């Protein structure tokens, strides 16, 4: 399923012209972008642009605007988003395995364990 942003139908439902929206987002979104989104459903769009358009629509309508309000085919789009919002399942077979090699780890450039203990910084160590 493809989600499409249909700004034109939202504008029509709220009696807002594309020109009015262009004036509201002036300096933040290019006029051609707004006109293009108003003419036909967008298949790809920058999230910052969507955010700016949503803020402007909230200012113009006085209502809270959510992303699903701008989507074409809202019910199935919303169901698709909710269906894919499940929590990830931990799969131990995909976890990285670490083995102890028995070799000492050497860290160069830092203080030795003896120096840390002598300075009193190792008090919290068992």
Foldseek 3Di string as FASTA:
>chain_A
DAKWFQVQVLCVVQVHDLVNLCVLLPPNDDSVVSVVSNVDIDRDDDPSVVVSSQVSVCVVRVDRDDRLSRIDPSPVVVVVVVVPPDDDDDDVVPDDDDDDPPDDDDDPPDDDPVVCVVVVNCPPPD
